[in-house]
């Protein structure tokens, strides 16, 4: 169970759906939200809901969330060590898994406990 104040790592779809369903503000006020830069870029370039663009202020997202970066060397190492498992993910999901120290998910380097939320 996710507790108030815990970190919650959201992918692009989870962020878009939270805005679409009108639950973004309670999430911002109840949890410490995080995502990766790739998800912010995806929201800027392709956030279509039922064929229509949902306007989301990514500048505001940057103020409300922790935005994590995944460098090329870390991504390359993770892709090679994942034996193809990372290849089935979208870019944002891939960056989030790498941000979680894939494939060493049991030994995360993160200052606080948090939850990973992927929406499909």
Protein backbone atom coordinates (compact mmCIF):
# COMPACT_ATOMS: atom_id res chain seq x y z
CA UNK A 1 0.00 0.00 0.00
CA UNK A 2 1.24 3.45 -0.87
CA UNK A 3 1.37 5.76 2.13
CA UNK A 4 1.08 9.56 2.08
CA UNK A 5 4.46 11.21 1.65
CA UNK A 6 6.08 8.25 -0.11
CA UNK A 7 7.78 8.59 -3.49
CA UNK A 8 5.70 7.43 -6.45
CA UNK A 9 7.45 7.03 -9.81
CA UNK A 10 4.97 7.64 -12.65
CA UNK A 11 5.24 6.87 -16.35
CA UNK A 12 3.80 9.01 -19.15
CA UNK A 13 0.43 7.29 -19.27
CA UNK A 14 -0.04 7.47 -15.50
CA UNK A 15 0.65 11.24 -15.56
CA UNK A 16 -1.72 11.82 -18.49
CA UNK A 17 -4.48 9.70 -16.96
CA UNK A 18 -4.14 11.43 -13.59
CA UNK A 19 -4.74 14.75 -15.35
CA UNK A 20 -7.55 13.37 -17.50
CA UNK A 21 -9.34 11.86 -14.50
CA UNK A 22 -8.87 15.01 -12.40
CA UNK A 23 -6.82 13.36 -9.66
CA UNK A 24 -3.50 15.10 -10.30
CA UNK A 25 -3.83 17.67 -7.49
CA UNK A 26 -4.54 15.05 -4.78
CA UNK A 27 -1.52 13.06 -5.99
CA UNK A 28 0.73 16.14 -5.86
CA UNK A 29 -0.44 17.00 -2.36
CA UNK A 30 -0.38 13.43 -1.03
CA UNK A 31 2.83 11.98 -2.42
CA UNK A 32 6.32 12.83 -3.60
CA UNK A 33 6.01 12.30 -7.34
CA UNK A 34 8.87 11.42 -9.66
CA UNK A 35 9.36 10.57 -13.32
CA UNK A 36 12.14 10.58 -15.90
CA UNK A 37 12.94 13.29 -18.44
CA UNK A 38 11.82 11.02 -21.29
CA UNK A 39 8.28 10.91 -19.88
CA UNK A 40 8.14 14.71 -19.74
CA UNK A 41 9.26 14.81 -23.40
CA UNK A 42 6.60 12.23 -24.33
CA UNK A 43 3.93 14.37 -22.67
CA UNK A 44 5.12 17.39 -24.65
CA UNK A 45 5.14 15.58 -27.99
CA UNK A 46 2.49 12.90 -28.03
CA UNK A 47 -0.04 12.89 -25.27
CA UNK A 48 -3.18 11.98 -27.15
CA UNK A 49 -6.24 10.80 -25.25
CA UNK A 50 -8.93 9.30 -27.47
CA UNK A 51 -7.26 10.99 -30.45
CA UNK A 52 -7.26 14.45 -28.87
CA UNK A 53 -4.38 16.27 -27.21
CA UNK A 54 -4.73 16.83 -23.46
CA UNK A 55 -3.02 20.07 -22.46
CA UNK A 56 -0.59 19.47 -19.59
CA UNK A 57 1.76 22.20 -18.42
CA UNK A 58 5.14 20.44 -18.37
CA UNK A 59 6.76 23.48 -16.77
CA UNK A 60 4.42 23.01 -13.84
CA UNK A 61 5.15 19.26 -13.80
CA UNK A 62 8.84 20.09 -13.43
CA UNK A 63 8.01 22.10 -10.30
CA UNK A 64 5.68 19.46 -8.84
CA UNK A 65 7.80 16.36 -9.48
CA UNK A 66 11.34 15.11 -9.20
CA UNK A 67 12.62 14.63 -12.76
CA UNK A 68 15.35 11.99 -13.05
CA UNK A 69 17.91 11.76 -15.85
CA UNK A 70 19.33 8.56 -17.35
CA UNK A 71 22.65 9.01 -19.14
CA UNK A 72 23.59 7.13 -22.32
CA UNK A 73 26.32 5.02 -20.72
CA UNK A 74 23.99 3.80 -17.96
CA UNK A 75 21.27 3.00 -20.51
CA UNK A 76 23.70 1.09 -22.74
CA UNK A 77 24.96 -0.99 -19.82
CA UNK A 78 21.42 -1.76 -18.71
CA UNK A 79 20.24 -2.74 -22.20
CA UNK A 80 23.18 -5.09 -22.67
CA UNK A 81 22.78 -6.69 -19.25
CA UNK A 82 18.99 -7.09 -19.54
CA UNK A 83 19.28 -9.81 -22.20
CA UNK A 84 16.66 -8.07 -24.34
CA UNK A 85 14.09 -7.59 -21.57
CA UNK A 86 14.32 -3.79 -21.70
CA UNK A 87 13.70 -3.75 -25.45
CA UNK A 88 9.97 -4.50 -25.03
CA UNK A 89 9.41 -1.30 -23.05
CA UNK A 90 8.62 2.19 -24.31
CA UNK A 91 11.44 4.71 -23.96
CA UNK A 92 9.99 6.33 -20.82
CA UNK A 93 9.40 2.96 -19.15
CA UNK A 94 12.90 1.86 -20.13
CA UNK A 95 14.42 4.99 -18.58
CA UNK A 96 12.41 4.44 -15.40
CA UNK A 97 13.63 0.86 -15.06
CA UNK A 98 17.21 1.98 -15.63
CA UNK A 99 16.70 4.77 -13.12
CA UNK A 100 15.75 2.00 -10.70
CA UNK A 101 19.17 0.39 -11.30
CA UNK A 102 17.98 -2.35 -13.66
CA UNK A 103 18.67 -5.26 -13.38
CA UNK A 104 19.54 -4.78 -9.70
CA UNK A 105 16.03 -3.81 -8.57
CA UNK A 106 16.64 -5.41 -5.18
CA UNK A 107 19.50 -3.01 -4.49
CA UNK A 108 18.01 0.35 -5.38
CA UNK A 109 19.95 3.51 -4.78
CA UNK A 110 17.19 5.93 -3.75
CA UNK A 111 16.96 8.12 -0.69
CA UNK A 112 13.44 7.09 0.27
CA UNK A 113 11.12 4.14 -0.27
CA UNK A 114 8.86 4.69 -3.26
CA UNK A 115 6.44 2.94 -5.57
CA UNK A 116 6.61 2.48 -9.34
CA UNK A 117 3.35 3.07 -11.20
CA UNK A 118 2.95 2.04 -14.83
CA UNK A 119 -0.43 2.58 -16.43
CA UNK A 120 -1.54 0.63 -19.47
